[in-house]
Amino acid sequence: MLSLQLQKSTGPSGQGGGELGWFAANQMVKPFSDAAFALKKGEITKTPVQTQFGYHVILVEDTKPAEKATFETVKPQIENGLKMEKFRIQVQDKAQTLRKNAKVTIK
């Protein structure tokens, strides 16, 4: 796992000083992940890394071995994901009902 900071980011992470926090290799797009995990603690990419999100200069602040998540650790994320899925289905159903019952006239 790595902890990164993208200080001059113009993307969403820029508002927090570019801090990406800890992440595993499979949590980022491949070019970014490959470049980040090839670096050692304190190293920076020598050239910008291009992804579909733009160009990135990566500084690895720290590394640590991946840990297995406990159920108690991920329980809130699972609950939130299930709530969001339920909400998405409700919105989709409501939209279908509204479309089905809509009467559109063009003048």
PDB file of N, CA and C in Angstrom:
ATOM      1  N   MET A   1       0.847  -1.168   0.000  1.00  0.00           N
ATOM      2  CA  MET A   1       0.000   0.000   0.000  1.00  0.00           C
ATOM      3  C   MET A   1       0.891   1.229   0.000  1.00  0.00           C
ATOM      4  N   LEU A   2       0.410   2.280  -0.664  1.00  0.00           N
ATOM      5  CA  LEU A   2       1.166   3.520  -0.762  1.00  0.00           C
ATOM      6  C   LEU A   2       0.359   4.686  -0.217  1.00  0.00           C
ATOM      7  N   SER A   3       1.046   5.719   0.197  1.00  0.00           N
ATOM      8  CA  SER A   3       0.434   6.991   0.550  1.00  0.00           C
ATOM      9  C   SER A   3       1.070   8.048  -0.332  1.00  0.00           C
ATOM     10  N   LEU A   4       0.231   8.772  -1.089  1.00  0.00           N
ATOM     11  CA  LEU A   4       0.742   9.762  -2.040  1.00  0.00           C
ATOM     12  C   LEU A   4       0.160  11.136  -1.767  1.00  0.00           C
ATOM     13  N   GLN A   5       0.877  12.140  -2.221  1.00  0.00           N
ATOM     14  CA  GLN A   5       0.389  13.507  -2.156  1.00  0.00           C
ATOM     15  C   GLN A   5       0.683  14.188  -3.481  1.00  0.00           C
ATOM     16  N   LEU A   6      -0.331  14.802  -4.069  1.00  0.00           N
ATOM     17  CA  LEU A   6      -0.202  15.498  -5.348  1.00  0.00           C
ATOM     18  C   LEU A   6      -0.466  16.976  -5.095  1.00  0.00           C
ATOM     19  N   GLN A   7       0.535  17.682  -4.577  1.00  0.00           N
ATOM     20  CA  GLN A   7       0.363  19.039  -4.076  1.00  0.00           C
ATOM     21  C   GLN A   7      -0.196  20.029  -5.082  1.00  0.00           C
ATOM     22  N   LYS A   8       0.161  19.923  -6.338  1.00  0.00           N
ATOM     23  CA  LYS A   8      -0.249  20.923  -7.317  1.00  0.00           C
ATOM     24  C   LYS A   8      -1.398  20.412  -8.184  1.00  0.00           C
ATOM     25  N   SER A   9      -2.131  19.443  -7.686  1.00  0.00           N
ATOM     26  CA  SER A   9      -3.195  18.824  -8.453  1.00  0.00           C
ATOM     27  C   SER A   9      -4.288  19.837  -8.795  1.00  0.00           C
ATOM     28  N   THR A  10      -4.749  19.786 -10.041  1.00  0.00           N
ATOM     29  CA  THR A  10      -5.901  20.595 -10.450  1.00  0.00           C
ATOM     30  C   THR A  10      -7.159  19.740 -10.434  1.00  0.00           C
ATOM     31  N   GLY A  11      -7.032  18.475 -10.079  1.00  0.00           N
ATOM     32  CA  GLY A  11      -8.172  17.569 -10.000  1.00  0.00           C
ATOM     33  C   GLY A  11      -8.814  17.623  -8.631  1.00  0.00           C
ATOM     34  N   PRO A  12      -9.782  16.741  -8.381  1.00  0.00           N
ATOM     35  CA  PRO A  12     -10.495  16.734  -7.104  1.00  0.00           C
ATOM     36  C   PRO A  12      -9.582  16.576  -5.893  1.00  0.00           C
ATOM     37  N   SER A  13      -8.477  15.858  -6.030  1.00  0.00           N
ATOM     38  CA  SER A  13      -7.574  15.660  -4.885  1.00  0.00           C
ATOM     39  C   SER A  13      -6.797  16.923  -4.550  1.00  0.00           C
ATOM     40  N   GLY A  14      -6.759  17.891  -5.457  1.00  0.00           N
ATOM     41  CA  GLY A  14      -6.014  19.127  -5.232  1.00  0.00           C
ATOM     42  C   GLY A  14      -6.552  19.938  -4.071  1.00  0.00           C
ATOM     43  N   GLN A  15      -7.853  19.864  -3.838  1.00  0.00           N
ATOM     44  CA  GLN A  15      -8.457  20.629  -2.749  1.00  0.00           C
ATOM     45  C   GLN A  15      -7.929  20.192  -1.392  1.00  0.00           C
ATOM     46  N   GLY A  16      -7.546  18.937  -1.272  1.00  0.00           N
ATOM     47  CA  GLY A  16      -6.996  18.429  -0.019  1.00  0.00           C
ATOM     48  C   GLY A  16      -5.483  18.417  -0.033  1.00  0.00           C
ATOM     49  N   GLY A  17      -4.872  19.256  -0.851  1.00  0.00           N
ATOM     50  CA  GLY A  17      -3.418  19.285  -0.949  1.00  0.00           C
ATOM     51  C   GLY A  17      -2.865  18.161  -1.800  1.00  0.00           C
ATOM     52  N   GLY A  18      -3.751  17.483  -2.510  1.00  0.00           N
ATOM     53  CA  GLY A  18      -3.314  16.408  -3.387  1.00  0.00           C
ATOM     54  C   GLY A  18      -3.150  15.073  -2.692  1.00  0.00           C
ATOM     55  N   GLU A  19      -3.492  15.001  -1.431  1.00  0.00           N
ATOM     56  CA  GLU A  19      -3.327  13.766  -0.660  1.00  0.00           C
ATOM     57  C   GLU A  19      -4.272  12.687  -1.165  1.00  0.00           C
ATOM     58  N   LEU A  20      -3.711  11.551  -1.570  1.00  0.00           N
ATOM     59  CA  LEU A  20      -4.524  10.416  -2.011  1.00  0.00           C
ATOM     60  C   LEU A  20      -4.708   9.395  -0.908  1.00  0.00           C
ATOM     61  N   GLY A  21      -3.901   9.468   0.126  1.00  0.00           N
ATOM     62  CA  GLY A  21      -4.017   8.510   1.220  1.00  0.00           C
ATOM     63  C   GLY A  21      -3.490   7.145   0.823  1.00  0.00           C
ATOM     64  N   TRP A  22      -3.800   6.166   1.643  1.00  0.00           N
ATOM     65  CA  TRP A  22      -3.334   4.805   1.399  1.00  0.00           C
ATOM     66  C   TRP A  22      -4.197   4.136   0.351  1.00  0.00           C
ATOM     67  N   PHE A  23      -3.552   3.400  -0.546  1.00  0.00           N
ATOM     68  CA  PHE A  23      -4.312   2.632  -1.532  1.00  0.00           C
ATOM     69  C   PHE A  23      -3.502   1.436  -1.991  1.00  0.00           C
ATOM     70  N   ALA A  24      -4.222   0.425  -2.441  1.00  0.00           N
ATOM     71  CA  ALA A  24      -3.595  -0.784  -2.980  1.00  0.00           C
ATOM     72  C   ALA A  24      -3.438  -0.624  -4.488  1.00  0.00           C
ATOM     73  N   ALA A  25      -2.607  -1.468  -5.076  1.00  0.00           N
ATOM     74  CA  ALA A  25      -2.305  -1.371  -6.508  1.00  0.00           C
ATOM     75  C   ALA A  25      -3.548  -1.468  -7.376  1.00  0.00           C
ATOM     76  N   ASN A  26      -4.511  -2.287  -6.995  1.00  0.00           N
ATOM     77  CA  ASN A  26      -5.704  -2.481  -7.827  1.00  0.00           C
ATOM     78  C   ASN A  26      -6.750  -1.388  -7.656  1.00  0.00           C
ATOM     79  N   GLN A  27      -6.474  -0.371  -6.877  1.00  0.00           N
ATOM     80  CA  GLN A  27      -7.442   0.707  -6.656  1.00  0.00           C
ATOM     81  C   GLN A  27      -7.235   1.893  -7.593  1.00  0.00           C
ATOM     82  N   MET A  28      -6.172   1.882  -8.361  1.00  0.00           N
ATOM     83  CA  MET A  28      -5.879   2.975  -9.285  1.00  0.00           C
ATOM     84  C   MET A  28      -5.783   2.427 -10.707  1.00  0.00           C
ATOM     85  N   VAL A  29      -5.898   3.318 -11.689  1.00  0.00           N
ATOM     86  CA  VAL A  29      -5.741   2.882 -13.079  1.00  0.00           C
ATOM     87  C   VAL A  29      -4.325   2.357 -13.284  1.00  0.00           C
ATOM     88  N   LYS A  30      -4.181   1.423 -14.196  1.00  0.00           N
ATOM     89  CA  LYS A  30      -2.930   0.680 -14.367  1.00  0.00           C
ATOM     90  C   LYS A  30      -1.697   1.560 -14.580  1.00  0.00           C
ATOM     91  N   PRO A  31      -1.694   2.536 -15.501  1.00  0.00           N
ATOM     92  CA  PRO A  31      -0.459   3.322 -15.686  1.00  0.00           C
ATOM     93  C   PRO A  31      -0.035   4.045 -14.402  1.00  0.00           C
ATOM     94  N   PHE A  32      -1.013   4.579 -13.677  1.00  0.00           N
ATOM     95  CA  PHE A  32      -0.724   5.296 -12.430  1.00  0.00           C
ATOM     96  C   PHE A  32      -0.187   4.318 -11.391  1.00  0.00           C
ATOM     97  N   SER A  33      -0.890   3.211 -11.224  1.00  0.00           N
ATOM     98  CA  SER A  33      -0.501   2.214 -10.244  1.00  0.00           C
ATOM     99  C   SER A  33       0.882   1.629 -10.544  1.00  0.00           C
ATOM    100  N   ASP A  34       1.129   1.294 -11.809  1.00  0.00           N
ATOM    101  CA  ASP A  34       2.428   0.742 -12.192  1.00  0.00           C
ATOM    102  C   ASP A  34       3.564   1.704 -11.840  1.00  0.00           C
ATOM    103  N   ALA A  35       3.367   2.966 -12.157  1.00  0.00           N
ATOM    104  CA  ALA A  35       4.400   3.967 -11.874  1.00  0.00           C
ATOM    105  C   ALA A  35       4.573   4.167 -10.372  1.00  0.00           C
ATOM    106  N   ALA A  36       3.475   4.269  -9.652  1.00  0.00           N
ATOM    107  CA  ALA A  36       3.542   4.527  -8.213  1.00  0.00           C
ATOM    108  C   ALA A  36       4.207   3.374  -7.476  1.00  0.00           C
ATOM    109  N   PHE A  37       3.840   2.139  -7.823  1.00  0.00           N
ATOM    110  CA  PHE A  37       4.381   0.995  -7.103  1.00  0.00           C
ATOM    111  C   PHE A  37       5.788   0.620  -7.551  1.00  0.00           C
ATOM    112  N   ALA A  38       6.289   1.263  -8.590  1.00  0.00           N
ATOM    113  CA  ALA A  38       7.682   1.051  -8.999  1.00  0.00           C
ATOM    114  C   ALA A  38       8.629   1.956  -8.199  1.00  0.00           C
ATOM    115  N   LEU A  39       8.074   2.931  -7.505  1.00  0.00           N
ATOM    116  CA  LEU A  39       8.878   3.882  -6.732  1.00  0.00           C
ATOM    117  C   LEU A  39       9.091   3.396  -5.303  1.00  0.00           C
ATOM    118  N   LYS A  40      10.161   3.869  -4.689  1.00  0.00           N
ATOM    119  CA  LYS A  40      10.421   3.605  -3.277  1.00  0.00           C
ATOM    120  C   LYS A  40       9.985   4.827  -2.481  1.00  0.00           C
ATOM    121  N   LYS A  41       9.901   4.658  -1.181  1.00  0.00           N
ATOM    122  CA  LYS A  41       9.534   5.753  -0.285  1.00  0.00           C
ATOM    123  C   LYS A  41      10.441   6.957  -0.540  1.00  0.00           C
ATOM    124  N   GLY A  42       9.829   8.128  -0.753  1.00  0.00           N
ATOM    125  CA  GLY A  42      10.574   9.358  -0.982  1.00  0.00           C
ATOM    126  C   GLY A  42      10.922   9.619  -2.431  1.00  0.00           C
ATOM    127  N   GLU A  43      10.674   8.658  -3.326  1.00  0.00           N
ATOM    128  CA  GLU A  43      10.998   8.847  -4.742  1.00  0.00           C
ATOM    129  C   GLU A  43       9.844   9.541  -5.469  1.00  0.00           C
ATOM    130  N   ILE A  44      10.223  10.190  -6.575  1.00  0.00           N
ATOM    131  CA  ILE A  44       9.261  10.904  -7.414  1.00  0.00           C
ATOM    132  C   ILE A  44       9.448  10.431  -8.857  1.00  0.00           C
ATOM    133  N   THR A  45       8.367  10.413  -9.625  1.00  0.00           N
ATOM    134  CA  THR A  45       8.492  10.006 -11.023  1.00  0.00           C
ATOM    135  C   THR A  45       9.374  10.994 -11.766  1.00  0.00           C
ATOM    136  N   LYS A  46      10.210  10.476 -12.640  1.00  0.00           N
ATOM    137  CA  LYS A  46      11.141  11.332 -13.392  1.00  0.00           C
ATOM    138  C   LYS A  46      10.441  12.061 -14.537  1.00  0.00           C
ATOM    139  N   THR A  47       9.382  11.453 -15.060  1.00  0.00           N
ATOM    140  CA  THR A  47       8.569  12.083 -16.102  1.00  0.00           C
ATOM    141  C   THR A  47       7.106  11.931 -15.702  1.00  0.00           C
ATOM    142  N   PRO A  48       6.238  12.829 -16.149  1.00  0.00           N
ATOM    143  CA  PRO A  48       4.819  12.708 -15.818  1.00  0.00           C
ATOM    144  C   PRO A  48       4.235  11.395 -16.358  1.00  0.00           C
ATOM    145  N   VAL A  49       3.304  10.860 -15.605  1.00  0.00           N
ATOM    146  CA  VAL A  49       2.615   9.623 -15.973  1.00  0.00           C
ATOM    147  C   VAL A  49       1.273   9.999 -16.579  1.00  0.00           C
ATOM    148  N   GLN A  50       1.009   9.511 -17.795  1.00  0.00           N
ATOM    149  CA  GLN A  50      -0.245   9.843 -18.468  1.00  0.00           C
ATOM    150  C   GLN A  50      -1.288   8.760 -18.207  1.00  0.00           C
ATOM    151  N   THR A  51      -2.499   9.199 -17.815  1.00  0.00           N
ATOM    152  CA  THR A  51      -3.660   8.317 -17.695  1.00  0.00           C
ATOM    153  C   THR A  51      -4.823   9.011 -18.394  1.00  0.00           C
ATOM    154  N   GLN A  52      -5.975   8.374 -18.390  1.00  0.00           N
ATOM    155  CA  GLN A  52      -7.143   9.012 -18.990  1.00  0.00           C
ATOM    156  C   GLN A  52      -7.594  10.236 -18.193  1.00  0.00           C
ATOM    157  N   PHE A  53      -7.035  10.433 -17.004  1.00  0.00           N
ATOM    158  CA  PHE A  53      -7.392  11.578 -16.168  1.00  0.00           C
ATOM    159  C   PHE A  53      -6.426  12.744 -16.329  1.00  0.00           C
ATOM    160  N   GLY A  54      -5.370  12.545 -17.100  1.00  0.00           N
ATOM    161  CA  GLY A  54      -4.395  13.609 -17.316  1.00  0.00           C
ATOM    162  C   GLY A  54      -2.989  13.123 -17.043  1.00  0.00           C
ATOM    163  N   TYR A  55      -2.117  14.064 -16.706  1.00  0.00           N
ATOM    164  CA  TYR A  55      -0.712  13.756 -16.421  1.00  0.00           C
ATOM    165  C   TYR A  55      -0.470  13.888 -14.921  1.00  0.00           C
ATOM    166  N   HIS A  56       0.391  13.013 -14.394  1.00  0.00           N
ATOM    167  CA  HIS A  56       0.613  12.974 -12.955  1.00  0.00           C
ATOM    168  C   HIS A  56       2.110  12.894 -12.652  1.00  0.00           C
ATOM    169  N   VAL A  57       2.549  13.705 -11.710  1.00  0.00           N
ATOM    170  CA  VAL A  57       3.883  13.587 -11.147  1.00  0.00           C
ATOM    171  C   VAL A  57       3.651  12.980  -9.763  1.00  0.00           C
ATOM    172  N   ILE A  58       4.233  11.817  -9.535  1.00  0.00           N
ATOM    173  CA  ILE A  58       3.913  11.044  -8.340  1.00  0.00           C
ATOM    174  C   ILE A  58       5.086  11.050  -7.360  1.00  0.00           C
ATOM    175  N   LEU A  59       4.794  11.364  -6.109  1.00  0.00           N
ATOM    176  CA  LEU A  59       5.755  11.281  -5.010  1.00  0.00           C
ATOM    177  C   LEU A  59       5.215  10.267  -4.017  1.00  0.00           C
ATOM    178  N   VAL A  60       5.968   9.228  -3.743  1.00  0.00           N
ATOM    179  CA  VAL A  60       5.557   8.228  -2.762  1.00  0.00           C
ATOM    180  C   VAL A  60       6.034   8.704  -1.396  1.00  0.00           C
ATOM    181  N   GLU A  61       5.089   9.020  -0.527  1.00  0.00           N
ATOM    182  CA  GLU A  61       5.439   9.486   0.811  1.00  0.00           C
ATOM    183  C   GLU A  61       5.784   8.339   1.742  1.00  0.00           C
ATOM    184  N   ASP A  62       5.081   7.212   1.588  1.00  0.00           N
ATOM    185  CA  ASP A  62       5.313   6.100   2.490  1.00  0.00           C
ATOM    186  C   ASP A  62       4.755   4.824   1.872  1.00  0.00           C
ATOM    187  N   THR A  63       5.181   3.701   2.366  1.00  0.00           N
ATOM    188  CA  THR A  63       4.665   2.404   1.936  1.00  0.00           C
ATOM    189  C   THR A  63       4.427   1.546   3.170  1.00  0.00           C
ATOM    190  N   LYS A  64       3.534   0.592   3.046  1.00  0.00           N
ATOM    191  CA  LYS A  64       3.332  -0.396   4.102  1.00  0.00           C
ATOM    192  C   LYS A  64       2.722  -1.632   3.467  1.00  0.00           C
ATOM    193  N   PRO A  65       2.914  -2.775   4.088  1.00  0.00           N
ATOM    194  CA  PRO A  65       2.335  -3.999   3.530  1.00  0.00           C
ATOM    195  C   PRO A  65       0.810  -3.932   3.582  1.00  0.00           C
ATOM    196  N   ALA A  66       0.186  -4.549   2.597  1.00  0.00           N
ATOM    197  CA  ALA A  66      -1.277  -4.602   2.577  1.00  0.00           C
ATOM    198  C   ALA A  66      -1.759  -5.435   3.761  1.00  0.00           C
ATOM    199  N   GLU A  67      -2.897  -5.045   4.303  1.00  0.00           N
ATOM    200  CA  GLU A  67      -3.486  -5.762   5.430  1.00  0.00           C
ATOM    201  C   GLU A  67      -4.840  -6.313   5.019  1.00  0.00           C
ATOM    202  N   LYS A  68      -5.216  -7.418   5.618  1.00  0.00           N
ATOM    203  CA  LYS A  68      -6.555  -7.942   5.378  1.00  0.00           C
ATOM    204  C   LYS A  68      -7.522  -7.119   6.213  1.00  0.00           C
ATOM    205  N   ALA A  69      -8.592  -6.695   5.561  1.00  0.00           N
ATOM    206  CA  ALA A  69      -9.590  -5.901   6.254  1.00  0.00           C
ATOM    207  C   ALA A  69     -10.473  -6.815   7.104  1.00  0.00           C
ATOM    208  N   THR A  70     -10.817  -6.347   8.290  1.00  0.00           N
ATOM    209  CA  THR A  70     -11.745  -7.088   9.135  1.00  0.00           C
ATOM    210  C   THR A  70     -13.164  -6.684   8.775  1.00  0.00           C
ATOM    211  N   PHE A  71     -14.106  -7.525   9.129  1.00  0.00           N
ATOM    212  CA  PHE A  71     -15.514  -7.210   8.854  1.00  0.00           C
ATOM    213  C   PHE A  71     -15.911  -5.898   9.523  1.00  0.00           C
ATOM    214  N   GLU A  72     -15.483  -5.702  10.756  1.00  0.00           N
ATOM    215  CA  GLU A  72     -15.837  -4.470  11.478  1.00  0.00           C
ATOM    216  C   GLU A  72     -15.286  -3.230  10.774  1.00  0.00           C
ATOM    217  N   THR A  73     -14.158  -3.361  10.117  1.00  0.00           N
ATOM    218  CA  THR A  73     -13.557  -2.236   9.398  1.00  0.00           C
ATOM    219  C   THR A  73     -14.366  -1.884   8.155  1.00  0.00           C
ATOM    220  N   VAL A  74     -14.813  -2.892   7.437  1.00  0.00           N
ATOM    221  CA  VAL A  74     -15.505  -2.646   6.164  1.00  0.00           C
ATOM    222  C   VAL A  74     -17.019  -2.619   6.284  1.00  0.00           C
ATOM    223  N   LYS A  75     -17.557  -2.967   7.445  1.00  0.00           N
ATOM    224  CA  LYS A  75     -19.010  -3.003   7.639  1.00  0.00           C
ATOM    225  C   LYS A  75     -19.696  -1.685   7.246  1.00  0.00           C
ATOM    226  N   PRO A  76     -19.177  -0.512   7.687  1.00  0.00           N
ATOM    227  CA  PRO A  76     -19.835   0.742   7.281  1.00  0.00           C
ATOM    228  C   PRO A  76     -19.813   0.956   5.765  1.00  0.00           C
ATOM    229  N   GLN A  77     -18.731   0.565   5.103  1.00  0.00           N
ATOM    230  CA  GLN A  77     -18.650   0.710   3.646  1.00  0.00           C
ATOM    231  C   GLN A  77     -19.654  -0.213   2.957  1.00  0.00           C
ATOM    232  N   ILE A  78     -19.795  -1.427   3.463  1.00  0.00           N
ATOM    233  CA  ILE A  78     -20.758  -2.368   2.893  1.00  0.00           C
ATOM    234  C   ILE A  78     -22.170  -1.839   3.074  1.00  0.00           C
ATOM    235  N   GLU A  79     -22.481  -1.360   4.274  1.00  0.00           N
ATOM    236  CA  GLU A  79     -23.807  -0.816   4.545  1.00  0.00           C
ATOM    237  C   GLU A  79     -24.106   0.366   3.632  1.00  0.00           C
ATOM    238  N   ASN A  80     -23.139   1.261   3.490  1.00  0.00           N
ATOM    239  CA  ASN A  80     -23.327   2.435   2.640  1.00  0.00           C
ATOM    240  C   ASN A  80     -23.531   2.020   1.185  1.00  0.00           C
ATOM    241  N   GLY A  81     -22.750   1.059   0.718  1.00  0.00           N
ATOM    242  CA  GLY A  81     -22.899   0.574  -0.652  1.00  0.00           C
ATOM    243  C   GLY A  81     -24.275  -0.028  -0.899  1.00  0.00           C
ATOM    244  N   LEU A  82     -24.771  -0.800   0.070  1.00  0.00           N
ATOM    245  CA  LEU A  82     -26.108  -1.399  -0.070  1.00  0.00           C
ATOM    246  C   LEU A  82     -27.201  -0.336  -0.055  1.00  0.00           C
ATOM    247  N   LYS A  83     -27.048   0.672   0.803  1.00  0.00           N
ATOM    248  CA  LYS A  83     -28.022   1.771   0.844  1.00  0.00           C
ATOM    249  C   LYS A  83     -28.029   2.533  -0.478  1.00  0.00           C
ATOM    250  N   MET A  84     -26.842   2.798  -1.023  1.00  0.00           N
ATOM    251  CA  MET A  84     -26.754   3.523  -2.290  1.00  0.00           C
ATOM    252  C   MET A  84     -27.362   2.710  -3.431  1.00  0.00           C
ATOM    253  N   GLU A  85     -27.144   1.408  -3.433  1.00  0.00           N
ATOM    254  CA  GLU A  85     -27.725   0.550  -4.466  1.00  0.00           C
ATOM    255  C   GLU A  85     -29.243   0.541  -4.363  1.00  0.00           C
ATOM    256  N   LYS A  86     -29.758   0.441  -3.154  1.00  0.00           N
ATOM    257  CA  LYS A  86     -31.216   0.470  -2.937  1.00  0.00           C
ATOM    258  C   LYS A  86     -31.789   1.806  -3.426  1.00  0.00           C
ATOM    259  N   PHE A  87     -31.113   2.901  -3.096  1.00  0.00           N
ATOM    260  CA  PHE A  87     -31.557   4.223  -3.521  1.00  0.00           C
ATOM    261  C   PHE A  87     -31.537   4.342  -5.042  1.00  0.00           C
ATOM    262  N   ARG A  88     -30.470   3.838  -5.676  1.00  0.00           N
ATOM    263  CA  ARG A  88     -30.356   3.884  -7.135  1.00  0.00           C
ATOM    264  C   ARG A  88     -31.510   3.134  -7.790  1.00  0.00           C
ATOM    265  N   ILE A  89     -31.859   1.986  -7.249  1.00  0.00           N
ATOM    266  CA  ILE A  89     -32.963   1.190  -7.796  1.00  0.00           C
ATOM    267  C   ILE A  89     -34.289   1.932  -7.618  1.00  0.00           C
ATOM    268  N   GLN A  90     -34.495   2.555  -6.456  1.00  0.00           N
ATOM    269  CA  GLN A  90     -35.719   3.313  -6.217  1.00  0.00           C
ATOM    270  C   GLN A  90     -35.846   4.487  -7.185  1.00  0.00           C
ATOM    271  N   VAL A  91     -34.756   5.194  -7.410  1.00  0.00           N
ATOM    272  CA  VAL A  91     -34.768   6.326  -8.346  1.00  0.00           C
ATOM    273  C   VAL A  91     -35.047   5.826  -9.759  1.00  0.00           C
ATOM    274  N   GLN A  92     -34.421   4.733 -10.147  1.00  0.00           N
ATOM    275  CA  GLN A  92     -34.631   4.156 -11.479  1.00  0.00           C
ATOM    276  C   GLN A  92     -36.092   3.738 -11.662  1.00  0.00           C
ATOM    277  N   ASP A  93     -36.651   3.081 -10.654  1.00  0.00           N
ATOM    278  CA  ASP A  93     -38.056   2.663 -10.726  1.00  0.00           C
ATOM    279  C   ASP A  93     -38.993   3.865 -10.824  1.00  0.00           C
ATOM    280  N   LYS A  94     -38.727   4.888 -10.025  1.00  0.00           N
ATOM    281  CA  LYS A  94     -39.564   6.096 -10.054  1.00  0.00           C
ATOM    282  C   LYS A  94     -39.473   6.778 -11.420  1.00  0.00           C
ATOM    283  N   ALA A  95     -38.281   6.852 -11.978  1.00  0.00           N
ATOM    284  CA  ALA A  95     -38.097   7.467 -13.291  1.00  0.00           C
ATOM    285  C   ALA A  95     -38.859   6.683 -14.360  1.00  0.00           C
ATOM    286  N   GLN A  96     -38.814   5.370 -14.300  1.00  0.00           N
ATOM    287  CA  GLN A  96     -39.547   4.552 -15.271  1.00  0.00           C
ATOM    288  C   GLN A  96     -41.047   4.773 -15.147  1.00  0.00           C
ATOM    289  N   THR A  97     -41.546   4.859 -13.912  1.00  0.00           N
ATOM    290  CA  THR A  97     -42.972   5.111 -13.687  1.00  0.00           C
ATOM    291  C   THR A  97     -43.372   6.475 -14.237  1.00  0.00           C
ATOM    292  N   LEU A  98     -42.554   7.481 -13.964  1.00  0.00           N
ATOM    293  CA  LEU A  98     -42.857   8.827 -14.459  1.00  0.00           C
ATOM    294  C   LEU A  98     -42.854   8.862 -15.985  1.00  0.00           C
ATOM    295  N   ARG A  99     -41.888   8.202 -16.611  1.00  0.00           N
ATOM    296  CA  ARG A  99     -41.851   8.161 -18.073  1.00  0.00           C
ATOM    297  C   ARG A  99     -43.072   7.442 -18.641  1.00  0.00           C
ATOM    298  N   LYS A 100     -43.430   6.340 -18.013  1.00  0.00           N
ATOM    299  CA  LYS A 100     -44.554   5.533 -18.478  1.00  0.00           C
ATOM    300  C   LYS A 100     -45.866   6.330 -18.398  1.00  0.00           C
ATOM    301  N   ASN A 101     -46.037   7.099 -17.350  1.00  0.00           N
ATOM    302  CA  ASN A 101     -47.286   7.831 -17.137  1.00  0.00           C
ATOM    303  C   ASN A 101     -47.258   9.255 -17.683  1.00  0.00           C
ATOM    304  N   ALA A 102     -46.151   9.676 -18.264  1.00  0.00           N
ATOM    305  CA  ALA A 102     -46.047  11.040 -18.783  1.00  0.00           C
ATOM    306  C   ALA A 102     -46.855  11.185 -20.073  1.00  0.00           C
ATOM    307  N   LYS A 103     -47.475  12.330 -20.192  1.00  0.00           N
ATOM    308  CA  LYS A 103     -48.193  12.666 -21.424  1.00  0.00           C
ATOM    309  C   LYS A 103     -47.494  13.869 -22.032  1.00  0.00           C
ATOM    310  N   VAL A 104     -46.822  13.630 -23.134  1.00  0.00           N
ATOM    311  CA  VAL A 104     -46.038  14.671 -23.787  1.00  0.00           C
ATOM    312  C   VAL A 104     -46.774  15.104 -25.039  1.00  0.00           C
ATOM    313  N   THR A 105     -46.970  16.411 -25.162  1.00  0.00           N
ATOM    314  CA  THR A 105     -47.564  16.963 -26.383  1.00  0.00           C
ATOM    315  C   THR A 105     -46.602  17.982 -26.963  1.00  0.00           C
ATOM    316  N   ILE A 106     -46.465  17.929 -28.274  1.00  0.00           N
ATOM    317  CA  ILE A 106     -45.584  18.859 -28.958  1.00  0.00           C
ATOM    318  C   ILE A 106     -46.448  19.805 -29.775  1.00  0.00           C
ATOM    319  N   LYS A 107     -46.253  21.086 -29.573  1.00  0.00           N
ATOM    320  CA  LYS A 107     -47.053  22.086 -30.286  1.00  0.00           C
ATOM    321  C   LYS A 107     -46.272  22.686 -31.411  1.00  0.00           C
TER     322      LYS A 107
END
